[in-house]
Amino acid sequence: MLDPLDPMAIEACFPGTLTGETEVNCPHCGTLLTVPVNDPLGQESYRCCKCGGGMLVNWAAGSVKAQ
């Protein structure tokens, strides 16, 4: 059972909540990127530093989609 006060459990459920950043894979080239998380329950757009491809990350749904 998860302890709701355990920082690792919080970070696992809501990426970036405690650290302010997390890692995602670019949907275009697969590069692992460290990205800032401004709203752990919202959506944010990023651009890959390797291939330049855009992506939309929906933190609440846990999805990464190519743009």
C-alpha atoms as a PDB file:
ATOM      1  CA  MET A   1       0.000   0.000   0.000  1.00  0.00           C
ATOM      2  CA  LEU A   2       1.279   3.459  -0.869  1.00  0.00           C
ATOM      3  CA  ASP A   3       1.932   5.945   1.884  1.00  0.00           C
ATOM      4  CA  PRO A   4       0.298   9.223   0.726  1.00  0.00           C
ATOM      5  CA  LEU A   5       2.993  11.218   2.535  1.00  0.00           C
ATOM      6  CA  ASP A   6       5.913   9.343   0.938  1.00  0.00           C
ATOM      7  CA  PRO A   7       7.710  11.743  -1.453  1.00  0.00           C
ATOM      8  CA  MET A   8       8.506   8.926  -3.896  1.00  0.00           C
ATOM      9  CA  ALA A   9       4.828   7.927  -4.068  1.00  0.00           C
ATOM     10  CA  ILE A  10       3.810  11.532  -4.728  1.00  0.00           C
ATOM     11  CA  GLU A  11       6.445  11.921  -7.469  1.00  0.00           C
ATOM     12  CA  ALA A  12       5.375   8.606  -9.053  1.00  0.00           C
ATOM     13  CA  CYS A  13       1.714   9.640  -9.181  1.00  0.00           C
ATOM     14  CA  PHE A  14       2.304  13.271 -10.198  1.00  0.00           C
ATOM     15  CA  PRO A  15       5.602  13.632 -12.117  1.00  0.00           C
ATOM     16  CA  GLY A  16       7.509  16.798 -11.333  1.00  0.00           C
ATOM     17  CA  THR A  17       5.405  17.749  -8.322  1.00  0.00           C
ATOM     18  CA  LEU A  18       8.321  17.717  -5.902  1.00  0.00           C
ATOM     19  CA  THR A  19      11.341  18.130  -8.165  1.00  0.00           C
ATOM     20  CA  GLY A  20       9.879  20.515 -10.752  1.00  0.00           C
ATOM     21  CA  GLU A  21      11.131  18.334 -13.606  1.00  0.00           C
ATOM     22  CA  THR A  22      10.830  14.833 -15.013  1.00  0.00           C
ATOM     23  CA  GLU A  23      11.941  12.743 -17.981  1.00  0.00           C
ATOM     24  CA  VAL A  24       9.993  11.933 -21.146  1.00  0.00           C
ATOM     25  CA  ASN A  25      10.927  10.178 -24.378  1.00  0.00           C
ATOM     26  CA  CYS A  26      10.670  12.163 -27.607  1.00  0.00           C
ATOM     27  CA  PRO A  27       7.876  10.584 -29.706  1.00  0.00           C
ATOM     28  CA  HIS A  28       9.869  11.362 -32.881  1.00  0.00           C
ATOM     29  CA  CYS A  29      13.367  10.017 -32.163  1.00  0.00           C
ATOM     30  CA  GLY A  30      13.103   8.352 -28.728  1.00  0.00           C
ATOM     31  CA  THR A  31      15.651  10.616 -27.009  1.00  0.00           C
ATOM     32  CA  LEU A  32      15.222  10.785 -23.232  1.00  0.00           C
ATOM     33  CA  LEU A  33      14.615  14.438 -22.310  1.00  0.00           C
ATOM     34  CA  THR A  34      14.541  16.139 -18.917  1.00  0.00           C
ATOM     35  CA  VAL A  35      11.735  18.695 -19.031  1.00  0.00           C
ATOM     36  CA  PRO A  36      10.352  21.221 -16.527  1.00  0.00           C
ATOM     37  CA  VAL A  37       6.906  20.581 -15.054  1.00  0.00           C
ATOM     38  CA  ASN A  38       5.017  23.803 -14.346  1.00  0.00           C
ATOM     39  CA  ASP A  39       1.554  22.258 -13.839  1.00  0.00           C
ATOM     40  CA  PRO A  40       1.570  18.558 -12.815  1.00  0.00           C
ATOM     41  CA  LEU A  41      -2.116  18.195 -13.741  1.00  0.00           C
ATOM     42  CA  GLY A  42      -2.086  20.214 -16.986  1.00  0.00           C
ATOM     43  CA  GLN A  43      -0.612  20.087 -20.484  1.00  0.00           C
ATOM     44  CA  GLU A  44       2.675  21.489 -21.754  1.00  0.00           C
ATOM     45  CA  SER A  45       4.436  21.663 -25.124  1.00  0.00           C
ATOM     46  CA  TYR A  46       8.119  20.905 -25.607  1.00  0.00           C
ATOM     47  CA  ARG A  47      10.601  20.653 -28.474  1.00  0.00           C
ATOM     48  CA  CYS A  48      13.276  17.949 -28.692  1.00  0.00           C
ATOM     49  CA  CYS A  49      16.849  19.248 -28.555  1.00  0.00           C
ATOM     50  CA  LYS A  50      18.099  16.401 -30.781  1.00  0.00           C
ATOM     51  CA  CYS A  51      15.596  16.189 -33.672  1.00  0.00           C
ATOM     52  CA  GLY A  52      13.638  19.426 -33.167  1.00  0.00           C
ATOM     53  CA  GLY A  53      10.300  17.600 -33.089  1.00  0.00           C
ATOM     54  CA  GLY A  54       7.464  19.057 -31.053  1.00  0.00           C
ATOM     55  CA  MET A  55       5.432  17.182 -28.463  1.00  0.00           C
ATOM     56  CA  LEU A  56       2.426  17.791 -26.244  1.00  0.00           C
ATOM     57  CA  VAL A  57       2.588  16.252 -22.774  1.00  0.00           C
ATOM     58  CA  ASN A  58      -0.627  15.762 -20.833  1.00  0.00           C
ATOM     59  CA  TRP A  59       0.537  15.181 -17.264  1.00  0.00           C
ATOM     60  CA  ALA A  60      -2.927  14.260 -15.931  1.00  0.00           C
ATOM     61  CA  ALA A  61      -3.394  11.549 -18.586  1.00  0.00           C
ATOM     62  CA  GLY A  62       0.257  10.524 -18.617  1.00  0.00           C
ATOM     63  CA  SER A  63       0.503  10.848 -22.400  1.00  0.00           C
ATOM     64  CA  VAL A  64       3.072  12.257 -24.828  1.00  0.00           C
ATOM     65  CA  LYS A  65       1.869  13.040 -28.367  1.00  0.00           C
ATOM     66  CA  ALA A  66       3.826  14.250 -31.380  1.00  0.00           C
ATOM     67  CA  GLN A  67       2.920  17.682 -32.745  1.00  0.00           C
END
